[in-house]
């Protein structure tokens, strides 16, 4: 049986380093949603490279965690955030 604490979704800020011939190395931020399953942590959804604005993505991540956003909606919420 799963306890409520084990079924909570965990939202994590992730960083990705991007570089190319036409631009210098840049760090961009994304969000990963995981779920604790016993002693394992399983990734349910992730979107990398949302924005180079760490604070903005961190604030979005925090709001998703507060609301316990279902992972199925992650891409839609990110699209709304970017528009």
C-alpha atoms as a PDB file:
ATOM      1  CA  UNK A   1       0.000   0.000   0.000  1.00  0.00           C
ATOM      2  CA  UNK A   2       1.299   3.468  -0.913  1.00  0.00           C
ATOM      3  CA  UNK A   3       1.232   6.195   1.709  1.00  0.00           C
ATOM      4  CA  UNK A   4       0.233   9.758   0.723  1.00  0.00           C
ATOM      5  CA  UNK A   5       3.821  10.983   1.188  1.00  0.00           C
ATOM      6  CA  UNK A   6       5.064   8.332  -1.252  1.00  0.00           C
ATOM      7  CA  UNK A   7       2.500   9.276  -3.894  1.00  0.00           C
ATOM      8  CA  UNK A   8       3.432  12.969  -3.937  1.00  0.00           C
ATOM      9  CA  UNK A   9       4.934  14.239  -7.125  1.00  0.00           C
ATOM     10  CA  UNK A  10       8.379  15.813  -6.892  1.00  0.00           C
ATOM     11  CA  UNK A  11       9.229  18.748  -9.166  1.00  0.00           C
ATOM     12  CA  UNK A  12      12.873  19.478  -9.915  1.00  0.00           C
ATOM     13  CA  UNK A  13      14.629  22.247 -11.779  1.00  0.00           C
ATOM     14  CA  UNK A  14      17.060  20.802 -14.322  1.00  0.00           C
ATOM     15  CA  UNK A  15      19.910  22.594 -16.078  1.00  0.00           C
ATOM     16  CA  UNK A  16      21.212  21.894 -19.567  1.00  0.00           C
ATOM     17  CA  UNK A  17      24.345  23.321 -21.146  1.00  0.00           C
ATOM     18  CA  UNK A  18      23.875  24.322 -24.790  1.00  0.00           C
ATOM     19  CA  UNK A  19      26.537  25.508 -27.197  1.00  0.00           C
ATOM     20  CA  UNK A  20      27.015  25.891 -30.893  1.00  0.00           C
ATOM     21  CA  UNK A  21      29.185  27.452 -33.543  1.00  0.00           C
ATOM     22  CA  UNK A  22      27.050  30.604 -33.674  1.00  0.00           C
ATOM     23  CA  UNK A  23      26.550  31.201 -29.948  1.00  0.00           C
ATOM     24  CA  UNK A  24      28.510  30.817 -26.717  1.00  0.00           C
ATOM     25  CA  UNK A  25      27.771  28.162 -24.133  1.00  0.00           C
ATOM     26  CA  UNK A  26      24.463  28.893 -22.413  1.00  0.00           C
ATOM     27  CA  UNK A  27      22.749  27.245 -19.455  1.00  0.00           C
ATOM     28  CA  UNK A  28      19.016  26.729 -19.899  1.00  0.00           C
ATOM     29  CA  UNK A  29      16.553  25.410 -17.356  1.00  0.00           C
ATOM     30  CA  UNK A  30      13.748  22.902 -17.500  1.00  0.00           C
ATOM     31  CA  UNK A  31      11.494  20.919 -15.193  1.00  0.00           C
ATOM     32  CA  UNK A  32      11.404  17.229 -14.306  1.00  0.00           C
ATOM     33  CA  UNK A  33       8.417  15.670 -12.516  1.00  0.00           C
ATOM     34  CA  UNK A  34       9.142  12.499 -10.551  1.00  0.00           C
ATOM     35  CA  UNK A  35       7.149  10.242  -8.280  1.00  0.00           C
ATOM     36  CA  UNK A  36       8.479   8.319  -5.316  1.00  0.00           C
ATOM     37  CA  UNK A  37       7.594   4.649  -5.529  1.00  0.00           C
ATOM     38  CA  UNK A  38       8.880   2.965  -2.391  1.00  0.00           C
ATOM     39  CA  UNK A  39      12.627   3.524  -2.436  1.00  0.00           C
ATOM     40  CA  UNK A  40      12.687   4.338  -6.166  1.00  0.00           C
ATOM     41  CA  UNK A  41      12.159   7.706  -7.834  1.00  0.00           C
ATOM     42  CA  UNK A  42      10.537   7.441 -11.254  1.00  0.00           C
ATOM     43  CA  UNK A  43      10.564  10.241 -13.833  1.00  0.00           C
ATOM     44  CA  UNK A  44       7.003  10.867 -15.006  1.00  0.00           C
ATOM     45  CA  UNK A  45       7.628  13.818 -17.359  1.00  0.00           C
ATOM     46  CA  UNK A  46      10.360  16.300 -18.235  1.00  0.00           C
ATOM     47  CA  UNK A  47      10.841  19.335 -20.439  1.00  0.00           C
ATOM     48  CA  UNK A  48      14.375  20.644 -20.920  1.00  0.00           C
ATOM     49  CA  UNK A  49      15.485  23.979 -22.370  1.00  0.00           C
ATOM     50  CA  UNK A  50      12.467  26.054 -21.289  1.00  0.00           C
ATOM     51  CA  UNK A  51      14.396  29.265 -20.667  1.00  0.00           C
ATOM     52  CA  UNK A  52      17.796  30.625 -19.642  1.00  0.00           C
ATOM     53  CA  UNK A  53      15.945  32.568 -16.904  1.00  0.00           C
ATOM     54  CA  UNK A  54      16.587  30.373 -13.843  1.00  0.00           C
ATOM     55  CA  UNK A  55      14.286  32.356 -11.542  1.00  0.00           C
ATOM     56  CA  UNK A  56      11.335  32.259 -13.946  1.00  0.00           C
ATOM     57  CA  UNK A  57      11.585  28.488 -14.465  1.00  0.00           C
ATOM     58  CA  UNK A  58      12.171  27.936 -10.737  1.00  0.00           C
ATOM     59  CA  UNK A  59       9.045  29.964  -9.916  1.00  0.00           C
ATOM     60  CA  UNK A  60       7.023  27.942 -12.442  1.00  0.00           C
ATOM     61  CA  UNK A  61       8.386  24.705 -10.974  1.00  0.00           C
ATOM     62  CA  UNK A  62       7.449  25.810  -7.455  1.00  0.00           C
ATOM     63  CA  UNK A  63       3.894  26.688  -8.561  1.00  0.00           C
ATOM     64  CA  UNK A  64       3.489  23.297 -10.251  1.00  0.00           C
ATOM     65  CA  UNK A  65       4.642  21.580  -7.079  1.00  0.00           C
ATOM     66  CA  UNK A  66       2.248  23.581  -4.894  1.00  0.00           C
ATOM     67  CA  UNK A  67      -0.645  22.645  -7.179  1.00  0.00           C
ATOM     68  CA  UNK A  68       0.605  19.052  -7.704  1.00  0.00           C
ATOM     69  CA  UNK A  69       0.158  19.437 -11.456  1.00  0.00           C
ATOM     70  CA  UNK A  70      -0.472  16.110 -13.162  1.00  0.00           C
ATOM     71  CA  UNK A  71       2.557  15.231 -15.339  1.00  0.00           C
ATOM     72  CA  UNK A  72       0.321  14.816 -18.395  1.00  0.00           C
ATOM     73  CA  UNK A  73      -0.173  18.621 -18.394  1.00  0.00           C
ATOM     74  CA  UNK A  74       3.510  19.617 -18.166  1.00  0.00           C
ATOM     75  CA  UNK A  75       4.047  20.372 -21.875  1.00  0.00           C
ATOM     76  CA  UNK A  76       0.800  22.334 -22.138  1.00  0.00           C
ATOM     77  CA  UNK A  77       1.677  24.482 -19.123  1.00  0.00           C
ATOM     78  CA  UNK A  78       5.184  25.119 -20.483  1.00  0.00           C
ATOM     79  CA  UNK A  79       3.711  26.154 -23.857  1.00  0.00           C
ATOM     80  CA  UNK A  80       1.383  28.600 -22.073  1.00  0.00           C
ATOM     81  CA  UNK A  81       4.291  29.900 -20.008  1.00  0.00           C
ATOM     82  CA  UNK A  82       6.325  30.596 -23.152  1.00  0.00           C
ATOM     83  CA  UNK A  83       3.523  32.341 -25.039  1.00  0.00           C
END
